[in-house]
Amino acid sequence: MFNQFGRGLIIFGALLAAIGGVLLIISKLGKLPKLPGDILWRKGSFTFYFPIVTCLIVSAVISIILYFLRR
């Protein structure tokens, strides 16, 4: 029982470290690109930006990675 729990914690920690590494690399490269379909609304001095298409692409990539890790 503790073997599986320990293995799960190690995998979770490695996954968090990998995500952290990717975020560090992305921050060095600059901002994520603004894709068509991302919501940008400006009114006066107020700006609202919601990267919905970027979120969908990132979610799809993470889902594919997790699918292959579970196999």
PDB file of N, CA and C in Angstrom:
ATOM      1  N   MET A   1       0.818  -1.189   0.000  1.00  0.00           N
ATOM      2  CA  MET A   1       0.000   0.000   0.000  1.00  0.00           C
ATOM      3  C   MET A   1       0.864   1.257   0.000  1.00  0.00           C
ATOM      4  N   PHE A   2       1.866   1.314   0.891  1.00  0.00           N
ATOM      5  CA  PHE A   2       2.725   2.490   0.940  1.00  0.00           C
ATOM      6  C   PHE A   2       3.641   2.567  -0.274  1.00  0.00           C
ATOM      7  N   ASN A   3       3.919   1.420  -0.898  1.00  0.00           N
ATOM      8  CA  ASN A   3       4.715   1.418  -2.122  1.00  0.00           C
ATOM      9  C   ASN A   3       4.020   2.218  -3.210  1.00  0.00           C
ATOM     10  N   GLN A   4       2.748   1.963  -3.408  1.00  0.00           N
ATOM     11  CA  GLN A   4       1.995   2.668  -4.446  1.00  0.00           C
ATOM     12  C   GLN A   4       1.855   4.154  -4.122  1.00  0.00           C
ATOM     13  N   PHE A   5       1.641   4.464  -2.855  1.00  0.00           N
ATOM     14  CA  PHE A   5       1.517   5.855  -2.436  1.00  0.00           C
ATOM     15  C   PHE A   5       2.821   6.601  -2.664  1.00  0.00           C
ATOM     16  N   GLY A   6       3.920   5.986  -2.291  1.00  0.00           N
ATOM     17  CA  GLY A   6       5.233   6.597  -2.491  1.00  0.00           C
ATOM     18  C   GLY A   6       5.542   6.797  -3.966  1.00  0.00           C
ATOM     19  N   ARG A   7       5.233   5.802  -4.769  1.00  0.00           N
ATOM     20  CA  ARG A   7       5.452   5.911  -6.214  1.00  0.00           C
ATOM     21  C   ARG A   7       4.597   7.031  -6.801  1.00  0.00           C
ATOM     22  N   GLY A   8       3.370   7.142  -6.332  1.00  0.00           N
ATOM     23  CA  GLY A   8       2.496   8.210  -6.808  1.00  0.00           C
ATOM     24  C   GLY A   8       3.025   9.589  -6.449  1.00  0.00           C
ATOM     25  N   LEU A   9       3.553   9.722  -5.237  1.00  0.00           N
ATOM     26  CA  LEU A   9       4.127  11.008  -4.821  1.00  0.00           C
ATOM     27  C   LEU A   9       5.354  11.364  -5.656  1.00  0.00           C
ATOM     28  N   ILE A  10       6.179  10.374  -5.963  1.00  0.00           N
ATOM     29  CA  ILE A  10       7.359  10.626  -6.785  1.00  0.00           C
ATOM     30  C   ILE A  10       6.945  11.066  -8.186  1.00  0.00           C
ATOM     31  N   ILE A  11       5.967  10.397  -8.768  1.00  0.00           N
ATOM     32  CA  ILE A  11       5.502  10.763 -10.104  1.00  0.00           C
ATOM     33  C   ILE A  11       4.885  12.158 -10.089  1.00  0.00           C
ATOM     34  N   PHE A  12       4.098  12.457  -9.060  1.00  0.00           N
ATOM     35  CA  PHE A  12       3.483  13.775  -8.942  1.00  0.00           C
ATOM     36  C   PHE A  12       4.553  14.862  -8.807  1.00  0.00           C
ATOM     37  N   GLY A  13       5.572  14.603  -8.006  1.00  0.00           N
ATOM     38  CA  GLY A  13       6.669  15.558  -7.838  1.00  0.00           C
ATOM     39  C   GLY A  13       7.440  15.771  -9.128  1.00  0.00           C
ATOM     40  N   ALA A  14       7.689  14.690  -9.867  1.00  0.00           N
ATOM     41  CA  ALA A  14       8.395  14.815 -11.144  1.00  0.00           C
ATOM     42  C   ALA A  14       7.564  15.601 -12.147  1.00  0.00           C
ATOM     43  N   LEU A  15       6.268  15.379 -12.137  1.00  0.00           N
ATOM     44  CA  LEU A  15       5.373  16.108 -13.035  1.00  0.00           C
ATOM     45  C   LEU A  15       5.368  17.592 -12.689  1.00  0.00           C
ATOM     46  N   LEU A  16       5.310  17.919 -11.406  1.00  0.00           N
ATOM     47  CA  LEU A  16       5.356  19.321 -10.991  1.00  0.00           C
ATOM     48  C   LEU A  16       6.682  19.970 -11.381  1.00  0.00           C
ATOM     49  N   ALA A  17       7.785  19.235 -11.224  1.00  0.00           N
ATOM     50  CA  ALA A  17       9.089  19.766 -11.609  1.00  0.00           C
ATOM     51  C   ALA A  17       9.157  20.010 -13.116  1.00  0.00           C
ATOM     52  N   ALA A  18       8.584  19.103 -13.901  1.00  0.00           N
ATOM     53  CA  ALA A  18       8.582  19.269 -15.351  1.00  0.00           C
ATOM     54  C   ALA A  18       7.752  20.485 -15.752  1.00  0.00           C
ATOM     55  N   ILE A  19       6.597  20.649 -15.136  1.00  0.00           N
ATOM     56  CA  ILE A  19       5.752  21.810 -15.435  1.00  0.00           C
ATOM     57  C   ILE A  19       6.468  23.093 -15.046  1.00  0.00           C
ATOM     58  N   GLY A  20       7.134  23.092 -13.906  1.00  0.00           N
ATOM     59  CA  GLY A  20       7.908  24.259 -13.485  1.00  0.00           C
ATOM     60  C   GLY A  20       9.022  24.588 -14.458  1.00  0.00           C
ATOM     61  N   GLY A  21       9.691  23.566 -14.960  1.00  0.00           N
ATOM     62  CA  GLY A  21      10.744  23.785 -15.949  1.00  0.00           C
ATOM     63  C   GLY A  21      10.210  24.383 -17.232  1.00  0.00           C
ATOM     64  N   VAL A  22       9.079  23.873 -17.679  1.00  0.00           N
ATOM     65  CA  VAL A  22       8.462  24.416 -18.895  1.00  0.00           C
ATOM     66  C   VAL A  22       8.062  25.873 -18.681  1.00  0.00           C
ATOM     67  N   LEU A  23       7.514  26.184 -17.532  1.00  0.00           N
ATOM     68  CA  LEU A  23       7.132  27.566 -17.252  1.00  0.00           C
ATOM     69  C   LEU A  23       8.342  28.489 -17.208  1.00  0.00           C
ATOM     70  N   LEU A  24       9.458  28.009 -16.664  1.00  0.00           N
ATOM     71  CA  LEU A  24      10.680  28.814 -16.655  1.00  0.00           C
ATOM     72  C   LEU A  24      11.183  29.065 -18.067  1.00  0.00           C
ATOM     73  N   ILE A  25      11.147  28.048 -18.903  1.00  0.00           N
ATOM     74  CA  ILE A  25      11.589  28.208 -20.289  1.00  0.00           C
ATOM     75  C   ILE A  25      10.690  29.190 -21.026  1.00  0.00           C
ATOM     76  N   ILE A  26       9.381  29.071 -20.825  1.00  0.00           N
ATOM     77  CA  ILE A  26       8.442  29.984 -21.479  1.00  0.00           C
ATOM     78  C   ILE A  26       8.671  31.419 -21.019  1.00  0.00           C
ATOM     79  N   SER A  27       8.949  31.603 -19.723  1.00  0.00           N
ATOM     80  CA  SER A  27       9.163  32.960 -19.229  1.00  0.00           C
ATOM     81  C   SER A  27      10.440  33.561 -19.803  1.00  0.00           C
ATOM     82  N   LYS A  28      11.438  32.739 -20.103  1.00  0.00           N
ATOM     83  CA  LYS A  28      12.663  33.239 -20.721  1.00  0.00           C
ATOM     84  C   LYS A  28      12.425  33.634 -22.175  1.00  0.00           C
ATOM     85  N   LEU A  29      11.523  32.931 -22.859  1.00  0.00           N
ATOM     86  CA  LEU A  29      11.247  33.208 -24.269  1.00  0.00           C
ATOM     87  C   LEU A  29      10.353  34.428 -24.457  1.00  0.00           C
ATOM     88  N   GLY A  30       9.598  34.767 -23.452  1.00  0.00           N
ATOM     89  CA  GLY A  30       8.683  35.903 -23.549  1.00  0.00           C
ATOM     90  C   GLY A  30       7.263  35.454 -23.322  1.00  0.00           C
ATOM     91  N   LYS A  31       6.344  36.312 -23.674  1.00  0.00           N
ATOM     92  CA  LYS A  31       4.933  36.029 -23.466  1.00  0.00           C
ATOM     93  C   LYS A  31       4.442  34.962 -24.434  1.00  0.00           C
ATOM     94  N   LEU A  32       3.350  34.325 -24.061  1.00  0.00           N
ATOM     95  CA  LEU A  32       2.695  33.409 -24.984  1.00  0.00           C
ATOM     96  C   LEU A  32       2.101  34.215 -26.131  1.00  0.00           C
ATOM     97  N   PRO A  33       2.082  33.653 -27.313  1.00  0.00           N
ATOM     98  CA  PRO A  33       1.534  34.417 -28.442  1.00  0.00           C
ATOM     99  C   PRO A  33       0.029  34.637 -28.299  1.00  0.00           C
ATOM    100  N   LYS A  34      -0.436  35.736 -28.849  1.00  0.00           N
ATOM    101  CA  LYS A  34      -1.875  36.000 -28.875  1.00  0.00           C
ATOM    102  C   LYS A  34      -2.438  35.339 -30.119  1.00  0.00           C
ATOM    103  N   LEU A  35      -3.249  34.341 -29.922  1.00  0.00           N
ATOM    104  CA  LEU A  35      -3.808  33.579 -31.030  1.00  0.00           C
ATOM    105  C   LEU A  35      -5.159  34.136 -31.440  1.00  0.00           C
ATOM    106  N   PRO A  36      -5.548  33.907 -32.705  1.00  0.00           N
ATOM    107  CA  PRO A  36      -6.900  34.300 -33.111  1.00  0.00           C
ATOM    108  C   PRO A  36      -7.927  33.534 -32.271  1.00  0.00           C
ATOM    109  N   GLY A  37      -8.898  34.206 -31.755  1.00  0.00           N
ATOM    110  CA  GLY A  37      -9.898  33.584 -30.902  1.00  0.00           C
ATOM    111  C   GLY A  37      -9.721  33.963 -29.446  1.00  0.00           C
ATOM    112  N   ASP A  38      -8.550  34.480 -29.084  1.00  0.00           N
ATOM    113  CA  ASP A  38      -8.361  34.998 -27.731  1.00  0.00           C
ATOM    114  C   ASP A  38      -9.183  36.275 -27.581  1.00  0.00           C
ATOM    115  N   ILE A  39      -9.759  36.470 -26.422  1.00  0.00           N
ATOM    116  CA  ILE A  39     -10.664  37.596 -26.201  1.00  0.00           C
ATOM    117  C   ILE A  39      -9.865  38.792 -25.701  1.00  0.00           C
ATOM    118  N   LEU A  40      -9.973  39.905 -26.402  1.00  0.00           N
ATOM    119  CA  LEU A  40      -9.335  41.155 -26.010  1.00  0.00           C
ATOM    120  C   LEU A  40     -10.387  42.249 -26.092  1.00  0.00           C
ATOM    121  N   TRP A  41     -10.637  42.897 -24.952  1.00  0.00           N
ATOM    122  CA  TRP A  41     -11.670  43.932 -24.892  1.00  0.00           C
ATOM    123  C   TRP A  41     -11.078  45.167 -24.238  1.00  0.00           C
ATOM    124  N   ARG A  42     -11.117  46.275 -24.957  1.00  0.00           N
ATOM    125  CA  ARG A  42     -10.598  47.537 -24.437  1.00  0.00           C
ATOM    126  C   ARG A  42     -11.724  48.565 -24.402  1.00  0.00           C
ATOM    127  N   LYS A  43     -11.808  49.251 -23.282  1.00  0.00           N
ATOM    128  CA  LYS A  43     -12.786  50.332 -23.150  1.00  0.00           C
ATOM    129  C   LYS A  43     -12.150  51.404 -22.267  1.00  0.00           C
ATOM    130  N   GLY A  44     -11.733  52.460 -22.899  1.00  0.00           N
ATOM    131  CA  GLY A  44     -11.061  53.526 -22.165  1.00  0.00           C
ATOM    132  C   GLY A  44      -9.711  53.045 -21.654  1.00  0.00           C
ATOM    133  N   SER A  45      -9.513  53.172 -20.358  1.00  0.00           N
ATOM    134  CA  SER A  45      -8.247  52.738 -19.775  1.00  0.00           C
ATOM    135  C   SER A  45      -8.319  51.291 -19.259  1.00  0.00           C
ATOM    136  N   PHE A  46      -9.457  50.638 -19.467  1.00  0.00           N
ATOM    137  CA  PHE A  46      -9.649  49.261 -18.999  1.00  0.00           C
ATOM    138  C   PHE A  46      -9.374  48.291 -20.143  1.00  0.00           C
ATOM    139  N   THR A  47      -8.559  47.268 -19.882  1.00  0.00           N
ATOM    140  CA  THR A  47      -8.276  46.225 -20.863  1.00  0.00           C
ATOM    141  C   THR A  47      -8.516  44.871 -20.226  1.00  0.00           C
ATOM    142  N   PHE A  48      -9.278  44.041 -20.927  1.00  0.00           N
ATOM    143  CA  PHE A  48      -9.555  42.678 -20.470  1.00  0.00           C
ATOM    144  C   PHE A  48      -9.040  41.718 -21.537  1.00  0.00           C
ATOM    145  N   TYR A  49      -8.159  40.807 -21.144  1.00  0.00           N
ATOM    146  CA  TYR A  49      -7.604  39.824 -22.076  1.00  0.00           C
ATOM    147  C   TYR A  49      -7.794  38.438 -21.491  1.00  0.00           C
ATOM    148  N   PHE A  50      -8.466  37.560 -22.233  1.00  0.00           N
ATOM    149  CA  PHE A  50      -8.653  36.177 -21.809  1.00  0.00           C
ATOM    150  C   PHE A  50      -8.201  35.262 -22.941  1.00  0.00           C
ATOM    151  N   PRO A  51      -7.091  34.540 -22.747  1.00  0.00           N
ATOM    152  CA  PRO A  51      -6.536  33.703 -23.823  1.00  0.00           C
ATOM    153  C   PRO A  51      -7.233  32.351 -23.924  1.00  0.00           C
ATOM    154  N   ILE A  52      -8.473  32.330 -24.369  1.00  0.00           N
ATOM    155  CA  ILE A  52      -9.257  31.096 -24.383  1.00  0.00           C
ATOM    156  C   ILE A  52      -8.683  30.064 -25.345  1.00  0.00           C
ATOM    157  N   VAL A  53      -8.270  30.473 -26.538  1.00  0.00           N
ATOM    158  CA  VAL A  53      -7.717  29.518 -27.502  1.00  0.00           C
ATOM    159  C   VAL A  53      -6.379  28.993 -27.004  1.00  0.00           C
ATOM    160  N   THR A  54      -5.570  29.858 -26.432  1.00  0.00           N
ATOM    161  CA  THR A  54      -4.287  29.433 -25.871  1.00  0.00           C
ATOM    162  C   THR A  54      -4.520  28.423 -24.746  1.00  0.00           C
ATOM    163  N   CYS A  55      -5.508  28.661 -23.902  1.00  0.00           N
ATOM    164  CA  CYS A  55      -5.836  27.721 -22.819  1.00  0.00           C
ATOM    165  C   CYS A  55      -6.274  26.369 -23.373  1.00  0.00           C
ATOM    166  N   LEU A  56      -7.066  26.382 -24.432  1.00  0.00           N
ATOM    167  CA  LEU A  56      -7.517  25.125 -25.031  1.00  0.00           C
ATOM    168  C   LEU A  56      -6.351  24.332 -25.617  1.00  0.00           C
ATOM    169  N   ILE A  57      -5.425  25.021 -26.267  1.00  0.00           N
ATOM    170  CA  ILE A  57      -4.265  24.343 -26.849  1.00  0.00           C
ATOM    171  C   ILE A  57      -3.377  23.777 -25.750  1.00  0.00           C
ATOM    172  N   VAL A  58      -3.114  24.550 -24.716  1.00  0.00           N
ATOM    173  CA  VAL A  58      -2.287  24.070 -23.603  1.00  0.00           C
ATOM    174  C   VAL A  58      -2.962  22.871 -22.934  1.00  0.00           C
ATOM    175  N   SER A  59      -4.265  22.933 -22.754  1.00  0.00           N
ATOM    176  CA  SER A  59      -5.005  21.821 -22.154  1.00  0.00           C
ATOM    177  C   SER A  59      -4.916  20.568 -23.007  1.00  0.00           C
ATOM    178  N   ALA A  60      -5.034  20.714 -24.318  1.00  0.00           N
ATOM    179  CA  ALA A  60      -4.938  19.563 -25.223  1.00  0.00           C
ATOM    180  C   ALA A  60      -3.548  18.937 -25.169  1.00  0.00           C
ATOM    181  N   VAL A  61      -2.516  19.768 -25.143  1.00  0.00           N
ATOM    182  CA  VAL A  61      -1.140  19.250 -25.079  1.00  0.00           C
ATOM    183  C   VAL A  61      -0.911  18.506 -23.770  1.00  0.00           C
ATOM    184  N   ILE A  62      -1.367  19.077 -22.668  1.00  0.00           N
ATOM    185  CA  ILE A  62      -1.205  18.411 -21.370  1.00  0.00           C
ATOM    186  C   ILE A  62      -1.990  17.103 -21.337  1.00  0.00           C
ATOM    187  N   SER A  63      -3.181  17.088 -21.906  1.00  0.00           N
ATOM    188  CA  SER A  63      -3.980  15.857 -21.946  1.00  0.00           C
ATOM    189  C   SER A  63      -3.285  14.769 -22.758  1.00  0.00           C
ATOM    190  N   ILE A  64      -2.691  15.138 -23.881  1.00  0.00           N
ATOM    191  CA  ILE A  64      -1.971  14.161 -24.704  1.00  0.00           C
ATOM    192  C   ILE A  64      -0.754  13.616 -23.953  1.00  0.00           C
ATOM    193  N   ILE A  65      -0.020  14.484 -23.283  1.00  0.00           N
ATOM    194  CA  ILE A  65       1.154  14.050 -22.512  1.00  0.00           C
ATOM    195  C   ILE A  65       0.723  13.083 -21.408  1.00  0.00           C
ATOM    196  N   LEU A  66      -0.325  13.427 -20.683  1.00  0.00           N
ATOM    197  CA  LEU A  66      -0.797  12.548 -19.603  1.00  0.00           C
ATOM    198  C   LEU A  66      -1.337  11.222 -20.144  1.00  0.00           C
ATOM    199  N   TYR A  67      -1.953  11.240 -21.322  1.00  0.00           N
ATOM    200  CA  TYR A  67      -2.446  10.020 -21.934  1.00  0.00           C
ATOM    201  C   TYR A  67      -1.284   9.050 -22.194  1.00  0.00           C
ATOM    202  N   PHE A  68      -0.194   9.583 -22.741  1.00  0.00           N
ATOM    203  CA  PHE A  68       0.949   8.725 -23.036  1.00  0.00           C
ATOM    204  C   PHE A  68       1.709   8.292 -21.790  1.00  0.00           C
ATOM    205  N   LEU A  69       1.665   9.114 -20.737  1.00  0.00           N
ATOM    206  CA  LEU A  69       2.321   8.714 -19.486  1.00  0.00           C
ATOM    207  C   LEU A  69       1.562   7.605 -18.775  1.00  0.00           C
ATOM    208  N   ARG A  70       0.250   7.556 -18.959  1.00  0.00           N
ATOM    209  CA  ARG A  70      -0.565   6.514 -18.305  1.00  0.00           C
ATOM    210  C   ARG A  70      -0.482   5.173 -18.996  1.00  0.00           C
ATOM    211  N   ARG A  71      -0.079   5.148 -20.258  1.00  0.00           N
ATOM    212  CA  ARG A  71      -0.018   3.904 -21.027  1.00  0.00           C
ATOM    213  C   ARG A  71       1.053   3.002 -20.531  1.00  0.00           C
TER     214      ARG A  71
END
